[in-house]
Amino acid sequence: MENKVEEFLEKNNITYLFILLANLEVERLSNLPYTLKRSFNKKITEIALEHVAANEIPDYVVENQEENIFEKEDEQ
C-alpha cells in the first residue's frame, strides 16, 4: 500500500501533499486560543508552511501551560 501512495505522489507531484498538510496546519493554528495566536510574529499561513517544510509541528498549548507553571513556581 505504501508503495502505491509513494508512486502516486511521484507521478502526480508531491506539492499536492505539501499544500494539503499546510492547510491542515493552518486550520490547527487558527483554532488555537487568541492569547497564543497573539504571540505569533508572522502570519498563520507563513508559520504553517514553515512547520510543514521543517516537518516539525510544535504543541503551543503544552508549551504555554509549562511556561505558566514555571512562572507560578517562580512567584512562590
PDB file of N, CA and C in Angstrom:
ATOM      1  N   MET A   1       0.827  -1.194   0.000  1.00  0.00           N
ATOM      2  CA  MET A   1       0.000   0.000   0.000  1.00  0.00           C
ATOM      3  C   MET A   1       0.870   1.257   0.000  1.00  0.00           C
ATOM      4  N   GLU A   2       1.918   1.253   0.823  1.00  0.00           N
ATOM      5  CA  GLU A   2       2.784   2.425   0.924  1.00  0.00           C
ATOM      6  C   GLU A   2       3.451   2.741  -0.414  1.00  0.00           C
ATOM      7  N   ASN A   3       3.834   1.711  -1.146  1.00  0.00           N
ATOM      8  CA  ASN A   3       4.455   1.918  -2.457  1.00  0.00           C
ATOM      9  C   ASN A   3       3.487   2.569  -3.431  1.00  0.00           C
ATOM     10  N   LYS A   4       2.214   2.204  -3.350  1.00  0.00           N
ATOM     11  CA  LYS A   4       1.208   2.800  -4.225  1.00  0.00           C
ATOM     12  C   LYS A   4       1.058   4.289  -3.936  1.00  0.00           C
ATOM     13  N   VAL A   5       1.061   4.644  -2.670  1.00  0.00           N
ATOM     14  CA  VAL A   5       0.944   6.050  -2.288  1.00  0.00           C
ATOM     15  C   VAL A   5       2.169   6.819  -2.772  1.00  0.00           C
ATOM     16  N   GLU A   6       3.340   6.265  -2.552  1.00  0.00           N
ATOM     17  CA  GLU A   6       4.585   6.900  -2.991  1.00  0.00           C
ATOM     18  C   GLU A   6       4.600   7.088  -4.504  1.00  0.00           C
ATOM     19  N   GLU A   7       4.197   6.064  -5.207  1.00  0.00           N
ATOM     20  CA  GLU A   7       4.162   6.129  -6.670  1.00  0.00           C
ATOM     21  C   GLU A   7       3.181   7.197  -7.140  1.00  0.00           C
ATOM     22  N   PHE A   8       2.024   7.267  -6.508  1.00  0.00           N
ATOM     23  CA  PHE A   8       1.035   8.286  -6.858  1.00  0.00           C
ATOM     24  C   PHE A   8       1.612   9.682  -6.666  1.00  0.00           C
ATOM     25  N   LEU A   9       2.254   9.892  -5.518  1.00  0.00           N
ATOM     26  CA  LEU A   9       2.813  11.214  -5.227  1.00  0.00           C
ATOM     27  C   LEU A   9       3.935  11.577  -6.196  1.00  0.00           C
ATOM     28  N   GLU A  10       4.748  10.606  -6.558  1.00  0.00           N
ATOM     29  CA  GLU A  10       5.818  10.868  -7.514  1.00  0.00           C
ATOM     30  C   GLU A  10       5.258  11.215  -8.886  1.00  0.00           C
ATOM     31  N   LYS A  11       4.208  10.521  -9.283  1.00  0.00           N
ATOM     32  CA  LYS A  11       3.614  10.765 -10.596  1.00  0.00           C
ATOM     33  C   LYS A  11       2.793  12.055 -10.620  1.00  0.00           C
ATOM     34  N   ASN A  12       2.151  12.372  -9.514  1.00  0.00           N
ATOM     35  CA  ASN A  12       1.193  13.479  -9.511  1.00  0.00           C
ATOM     36  C   ASN A  12       1.656  14.708  -8.741  1.00  0.00           C
ATOM     37  N   ASN A  13       2.928  14.812  -8.501  1.00  0.00           N
ATOM     38  CA  ASN A  13       3.516  15.990  -7.892  1.00  0.00           C
ATOM     39  C   ASN A  13       3.274  16.007  -6.381  1.00  0.00           C
ATOM     40  N   ILE A  14       4.329  15.963  -5.650  1.00  0.00           N
ATOM     41  CA  ILE A  14       4.277  15.930  -4.187  1.00  0.00           C
ATOM     42  C   ILE A  14       3.800  17.266  -3.604  1.00  0.00           C
ATOM     43  N   THR A  15       3.742  18.302  -4.441  1.00  0.00           N
ATOM     44  CA  THR A  15       3.268  19.613  -3.989  1.00  0.00           C
ATOM     45  C   THR A  15       1.856  19.512  -3.424  1.00  0.00           C
ATOM     46  N   TYR A  16       1.033  18.658  -4.022  1.00  0.00           N
ATOM     47  CA  TYR A  16      -0.339  18.489  -3.544  1.00  0.00           C
ATOM     48  C   TYR A  16      -0.352  18.077  -2.078  1.00  0.00           C
ATOM     49  N   LEU A  17       0.476  17.126  -1.716  1.00  0.00           N
ATOM     50  CA  LEU A  17       0.541  16.656  -0.334  1.00  0.00           C
ATOM     51  C   LEU A  17       1.032  17.766   0.588  1.00  0.00           C
ATOM     52  N   PHE A  18       2.029  18.507   0.141  1.00  0.00           N
ATOM     53  CA  PHE A  18       2.568  19.608   0.940  1.00  0.00           C
ATOM     54  C   PHE A  18       1.483  20.647   1.221  1.00  0.00           C
ATOM     55  N   ILE A  19       0.741  21.035   0.203  1.00  0.00           N
ATOM     56  CA  ILE A  19      -0.319  22.037   0.370  1.00  0.00           C
ATOM     57  C   ILE A  19      -1.435  21.495   1.256  1.00  0.00           C
ATOM     58  N   LEU A  20      -1.766  20.240   1.103  1.00  0.00           N
ATOM     59  CA  LEU A  20      -2.792  19.625   1.945  1.00  0.00           C
ATOM     60  C   LEU A  20      -2.381  19.660   3.414  1.00  0.00           C
ATOM     61  N   LEU A  21      -1.149  19.280   3.700  1.00  0.00           N
ATOM     62  CA  LEU A  21      -0.653  19.312   5.079  1.00  0.00           C
ATOM     63  C   LEU A  21      -0.583  20.742   5.611  1.00  0.00           C
ATOM     64  N   ALA A  22      -0.180  21.675   4.771  1.00  0.00           N
ATOM     65  CA  ALA A  22      -0.117  23.078   5.190  1.00  0.00           C
ATOM     66  C   ALA A  22      -1.510  23.607   5.525  1.00  0.00           C
ATOM     67  N   ASN A  23      -2.500  23.233   4.737  1.00  0.00           N
ATOM     68  CA  ASN A  23      -3.875  23.663   5.026  1.00  0.00           C
ATOM     69  C   ASN A  23      -4.365  23.098   6.353  1.00  0.00           C
ATOM     70  N   LEU A  24      -4.027  21.863   6.642  1.00  0.00           N
ATOM     71  CA  LEU A  24      -4.405  21.278   7.931  1.00  0.00           C
ATOM     72  C   LEU A  24      -3.714  22.003   9.082  1.00  0.00           C
ATOM     73  N   GLU A  25      -2.466  22.385   8.878  1.00  0.00           N
ATOM     74  CA  GLU A  25      -1.731  23.111   9.914  1.00  0.00           C
ATOM     75  C   GLU A  25      -2.308  24.517  10.106  1.00  0.00           C
ATOM     76  N   VAL A  26      -2.724  25.172   9.028  1.00  0.00           N
ATOM     77  CA  VAL A  26      -3.380  26.484   9.142  1.00  0.00           C
ATOM     78  C   VAL A  26      -4.650  26.353   9.967  1.00  0.00           C
ATOM     79  N   GLU A  27      -5.420  25.322   9.704  1.00  0.00           N
ATOM     80  CA  GLU A  27      -6.657  25.097  10.458  1.00  0.00           C
ATOM     81  C   GLU A  27      -6.355  24.866  11.938  1.00  0.00           C
ATOM     82  N   ARG A  28      -5.334  24.063  12.219  1.00  0.00           N
ATOM     83  CA  ARG A  28      -4.965  23.791  13.610  1.00  0.00           C
ATOM     84  C   ARG A  28      -4.524  25.066  14.315  1.00  0.00           C
ATOM     85  N   LEU A  29      -3.691  25.856  13.663  1.00  0.00           N
ATOM     86  CA  LEU A  29      -3.216  27.101  14.264  1.00  0.00           C
ATOM     87  C   LEU A  29      -4.353  28.103  14.441  1.00  0.00           C
ATOM     88  N   SER A  30      -5.282  28.119  13.515  1.00  0.00           N
ATOM     89  CA  SER A  30      -6.420  29.041  13.602  1.00  0.00           C
ATOM     90  C   SER A  30      -7.319  28.720  14.785  1.00  0.00           C
ATOM     91  N   ASN A  31      -7.320  27.477  15.208  1.00  0.00           N
ATOM     92  CA  ASN A  31      -8.170  27.063  16.324  1.00  0.00           C
ATOM     93  C   ASN A  31      -7.508  27.222  17.689  1.00  0.00           C
ATOM     94  N   LEU A  32      -6.279  27.718  17.713  1.00  0.00           N
ATOM     95  CA  LEU A  32      -5.611  27.963  18.992  1.00  0.00           C
ATOM     96  C   LEU A  32      -6.269  29.146  19.695  1.00  0.00           C
ATOM     97  N   PRO A  33      -6.160  29.213  21.010  1.00  0.00           N
ATOM     98  CA  PRO A  33      -6.716  30.359  21.740  1.00  0.00           C
ATOM     99  C   PRO A  33      -6.067  31.670  21.287  1.00  0.00           C
ATOM    100  N   TYR A  34      -6.835  32.740  21.380  1.00  0.00           N
ATOM    101  CA  TYR A  34      -6.359  34.055  20.936  1.00  0.00           C
ATOM    102  C   TYR A  34      -5.069  34.462  21.640  1.00  0.00           C
ATOM    103  N   THR A  35      -4.959  34.138  22.913  1.00  0.00           N
ATOM    104  CA  THR A  35      -3.763  34.539  23.664  1.00  0.00           C
ATOM    105  C   THR A  35      -2.495  33.930  23.071  1.00  0.00           C
ATOM    106  N   LEU A  36      -2.594  32.737  22.525  1.00  0.00           N
ATOM    107  CA  LEU A  36      -1.435  32.109  21.878  1.00  0.00           C
ATOM    108  C   LEU A  36      -1.187  32.696  20.490  1.00  0.00           C
ATOM    109  N   LYS A  37      -2.264  32.878  19.727  1.00  0.00           N
ATOM    110  CA  LYS A  37      -2.112  33.421  18.377  1.00  0.00           C
ATOM    111  C   LYS A  37      -1.542  34.833  18.413  1.00  0.00           C
ATOM    112  N   ARG A  38      -1.858  35.570  19.441  1.00  0.00           N
ATOM    113  CA  ARG A  38      -1.390  36.949  19.584  1.00  0.00           C
ATOM    114  C   ARG A  38       0.139  37.003  19.663  1.00  0.00           C
ATOM    115  N   SER A  39       0.743  35.944  20.172  1.00  0.00           N
ATOM    116  CA  SER A  39       2.198  35.929  20.339  1.00  0.00           C
ATOM    117  C   SER A  39       2.951  35.610  19.044  1.00  0.00           C
ATOM    118  N   PHE A  40       2.248  35.202  17.991  1.00  0.00           N
ATOM    119  CA  PHE A  40       2.913  34.893  16.725  1.00  0.00           C
ATOM    120  C   PHE A  40       3.446  36.174  16.097  1.00  0.00           C
ATOM    121  N   ASN A  41       4.652  36.107  15.565  1.00  0.00           N
ATOM    122  CA  ASN A  41       5.245  37.279  14.932  1.00  0.00           C
ATOM    123  C   ASN A  41       5.133  37.245  13.410  1.00  0.00           C
ATOM    124  N   LYS A  42       4.466  36.217  12.880  1.00  0.00           N
ATOM    125  CA  LYS A  42       4.243  36.085  11.437  1.00  0.00           C
ATOM    126  C   LYS A  42       2.788  35.711  11.201  1.00  0.00           C
ATOM    127  N   LYS A  43       2.388  35.747   9.945  1.00  0.00           N
ATOM    128  CA  LYS A  43       1.034  35.319   9.594  1.00  0.00           C
ATOM    129  C   LYS A  43       0.915  33.810   9.792  1.00  0.00           C
ATOM    130  N   ILE A  44      -0.287  33.378  10.112  1.00  0.00           N
ATOM    131  CA  ILE A  44      -0.532  31.956  10.379  1.00  0.00           C
ATOM    132  C   ILE A  44      -0.169  31.098   9.169  1.00  0.00           C
ATOM    133  N   THR A  45      -0.483  31.562   7.972  1.00  0.00           N
ATOM    134  CA  THR A  45      -0.165  30.759   6.786  1.00  0.00           C
ATOM    135  C   THR A  45       1.342  30.574   6.628  1.00  0.00           C
ATOM    136  N   GLU A  46       2.098  31.613   6.905  1.00  0.00           N
ATOM    137  CA  GLU A  46       3.556  31.524   6.803  1.00  0.00           C
ATOM    138  C   GLU A  46       4.120  30.556   7.845  1.00  0.00           C
ATOM    139  N   ILE A  47       3.588  30.627   9.058  1.00  0.00           N
ATOM    140  CA  ILE A  47       4.027  29.723  10.125  1.00  0.00           C
ATOM    141  C   ILE A  47       3.699  28.278   9.758  1.00  0.00           C
ATOM    142  N   ALA A  48       2.502  28.060   9.226  1.00  0.00           N
ATOM    143  CA  ALA A  48       2.079  26.711   8.847  1.00  0.00           C
ATOM    144  C   ALA A  48       2.992  26.133   7.770  1.00  0.00           C
ATOM    145  N   LEU A  49       3.319  26.928   6.765  1.00  0.00           N
ATOM    146  CA  LEU A  49       4.212  26.454   5.703  1.00  0.00           C
ATOM    147  C   LEU A  49       5.587  26.105   6.258  1.00  0.00           C
ATOM    148  N   GLU A  50       6.078  26.912   7.186  1.00  0.00           N
ATOM    149  CA  GLU A  50       7.378  26.625   7.804  1.00  0.00           C
ATOM    150  C   GLU A  50       7.339  25.336   8.614  1.00  0.00           C
ATOM    151  N   HIS A  51       6.247  25.124   9.353  1.00  0.00           N
ATOM    152  CA  HIS A  51       6.119  23.905  10.156  1.00  0.00           C
ATOM    153  C   HIS A  51       6.136  22.665   9.268  1.00  0.00           C
ATOM    154  N   VAL A  52       5.370  22.699   8.190  1.00  0.00           N
ATOM    155  CA  VAL A  52       5.286  21.534   7.303  1.00  0.00           C
ATOM    156  C   VAL A  52       6.622  21.312   6.595  1.00  0.00           C
ATOM    157  N   ALA A  53       7.257  22.382   6.157  1.00  0.00           N
ATOM    158  CA  ALA A  53       8.538  22.249   5.457  1.00  0.00           C
ATOM    159  C   ALA A  53       9.611  21.668   6.376  1.00  0.00           C
ATOM    160  N   ALA A  54       9.572  22.043   7.651  1.00  0.00           N
ATOM    161  CA  ALA A  54      10.560  21.546   8.612  1.00  0.00           C
ATOM    162  C   ALA A  54      10.160  20.199   9.200  1.00  0.00           C
ATOM    163  N   ASN A  55       8.939  19.759   8.896  1.00  0.00           N
ATOM    164  CA  ASN A  55       8.396  18.521   9.451  1.00  0.00           C
ATOM    165  C   ASN A  55       8.431  18.564  10.975  1.00  0.00           C
ATOM    166  N   GLU A  56       8.086  19.722  11.513  1.00  0.00           N
ATOM    167  CA  GLU A  56       8.075  19.927  12.963  1.00  0.00           C
ATOM    168  C   GLU A  56       6.807  20.696  13.335  1.00  0.00           C
ATOM    169  N   ILE A  57       5.910  20.033  14.038  1.00  0.00           N
ATOM    170  CA  ILE A  57       4.642  20.639  14.422  1.00  0.00           C
ATOM    171  C   ILE A  57       4.652  20.837  15.936  1.00  0.00           C
ATOM    172  N   PRO A  58       4.952  22.049  16.395  1.00  0.00           N
ATOM    173  CA  PRO A  58       5.018  22.288  17.840  1.00  0.00           C
ATOM    174  C   PRO A  58       3.637  22.291  18.490  1.00  0.00           C
ATOM    175  N   ASP A  59       3.606  21.901  19.739  1.00  0.00           N
ATOM    176  CA  ASP A  59       2.365  21.906  20.514  1.00  0.00           C
ATOM    177  C   ASP A  59       2.358  23.159  21.383  1.00  0.00           C
ATOM    178  N   TYR A  60       1.784  24.232  20.860  1.00  0.00           N
ATOM    179  CA  TYR A  60       1.806  25.520  21.546  1.00  0.00           C
ATOM    180  C   TYR A  60       1.050  25.497  22.862  1.00  0.00           C
ATOM    181  N   VAL A  61      -0.001  24.710  22.953  1.00  0.00           N
ATOM    182  CA  VAL A  61      -0.810  24.673  24.174  1.00  0.00           C
ATOM    183  C   VAL A  61       0.008  24.109  25.326  1.00  0.00           C
ATOM    184  N   VAL A  62       0.691  23.003  25.097  1.00  0.00           N
ATOM    185  CA  VAL A  62       1.515  22.390  26.145  1.00  0.00           C
ATOM    186  C   VAL A  62       2.650  23.328  26.533  1.00  0.00           C
ATOM    187  N   GLU A  63       3.295  23.938  25.544  1.00  0.00           N
ATOM    188  CA  GLU A  63       4.383  24.874  25.833  1.00  0.00           C
ATOM    189  C   GLU A  63       3.889  26.035  26.688  1.00  0.00           C
ATOM    190  N   ASN A  64       2.716  26.556  26.366  1.00  0.00           N
ATOM    191  CA  ASN A  64       2.155  27.677  27.119  1.00  0.00           C
ATOM    192  C   ASN A  64       1.824  27.261  28.552  1.00  0.00           C
ATOM    193  N   GLN A  65       1.283  26.073  28.727  1.00  0.00           N
ATOM    194  CA  GLN A  65       0.957  25.588  30.069  1.00  0.00           C
ATOM    195  C   GLN A  65       2.224  25.414  30.897  1.00  0.00           C
ATOM    196  N   GLU A  66       3.280  24.893  30.282  1.00  0.00           N
ATOM    197  CA  GLU A  66       4.544  24.716  31.000  1.00  0.00           C
ATOM    198  C   GLU A  66       5.120  26.064  31.425  1.00  0.00           C
ATOM    199  N   GLU A  67       5.037  27.066  30.555  1.00  0.00           N
ATOM    200  CA  GLU A  67       5.521  28.405  30.899  1.00  0.00           C
ATOM    201  C   GLU A  67       4.748  28.962  32.084  1.00  0.00           C
ATOM    202  N   ASN A  68       3.433  28.775  32.084  1.00  0.00           N
ATOM    203  CA  ASN A  68       2.606  29.269  33.185  1.00  0.00           C
ATOM    204  C   ASN A  68       2.964  28.583  34.499  1.00  0.00           C
ATOM    205  N   ILE A  69       3.246  27.304  34.449  1.00  0.00           N
ATOM    206  CA  ILE A  69       3.620  26.561  35.658  1.00  0.00           C
ATOM    207  C   ILE A  69       4.936  27.094  36.205  1.00  0.00           C
ATOM    208  N   PHE A  70       5.918  27.304  35.314  1.00  0.00           N
ATOM    209  CA  PHE A  70       7.215  27.823  35.759  1.00  0.00           C
ATOM    210  C   PHE A  70       7.085  29.230  36.332  1.00  0.00           C
ATOM    211  N   GLU A  71       6.234  30.058  35.737  1.00  0.00           N
ATOM    212  CA  GLU A  71       6.025  31.417  36.244  1.00  0.00           C
ATOM    213  C   GLU A  71       5.412  31.380  37.640  1.00  0.00           C
ATOM    214  N   LYS A  72       4.463  30.486  37.858  1.00  0.00           N
ATOM    215  CA  LYS A  72       3.823  30.375  39.172  1.00  0.00           C
ATOM    216  C   LYS A  72       4.823  29.889  40.218  1.00  0.00           C
ATOM    217  N   GLU A  73       5.693  28.953  39.824  1.00  0.00           N
ATOM    218  CA  GLU A  73       6.708  28.451  40.754  1.00  0.00           C
ATOM    219  C   GLU A  73       7.701  29.551  41.119  1.00  0.00           C
ATOM    220  N   ASP A  74       8.051  30.388  40.155  1.00  0.00           N
ATOM    221  CA  ASP A  74       8.981  31.488  40.412  1.00  0.00           C
ATOM    222  C   ASP A  74       8.377  32.527  41.355  1.00  0.00           C
ATOM    223  N   GLU A  75       7.071  32.715  41.280  1.00  0.00           N
ATOM    224  CA  GLU A  75       6.392  33.688  42.135  1.00  0.00           C
ATOM    225  C   GLU A  75       6.366  33.234  43.590  1.00  0.00           C
ATOM    226  N   GLN A  76       6.413  31.940  43.814  1.00  0.00           N
ATOM    227  CA  GLN A  76       6.302  31.413  45.182  1.00  0.00           C
ATOM    228  C   GLN A  76       7.588  31.423  45.883  1.00  0.00           C
TER     229      GLN A  76
END
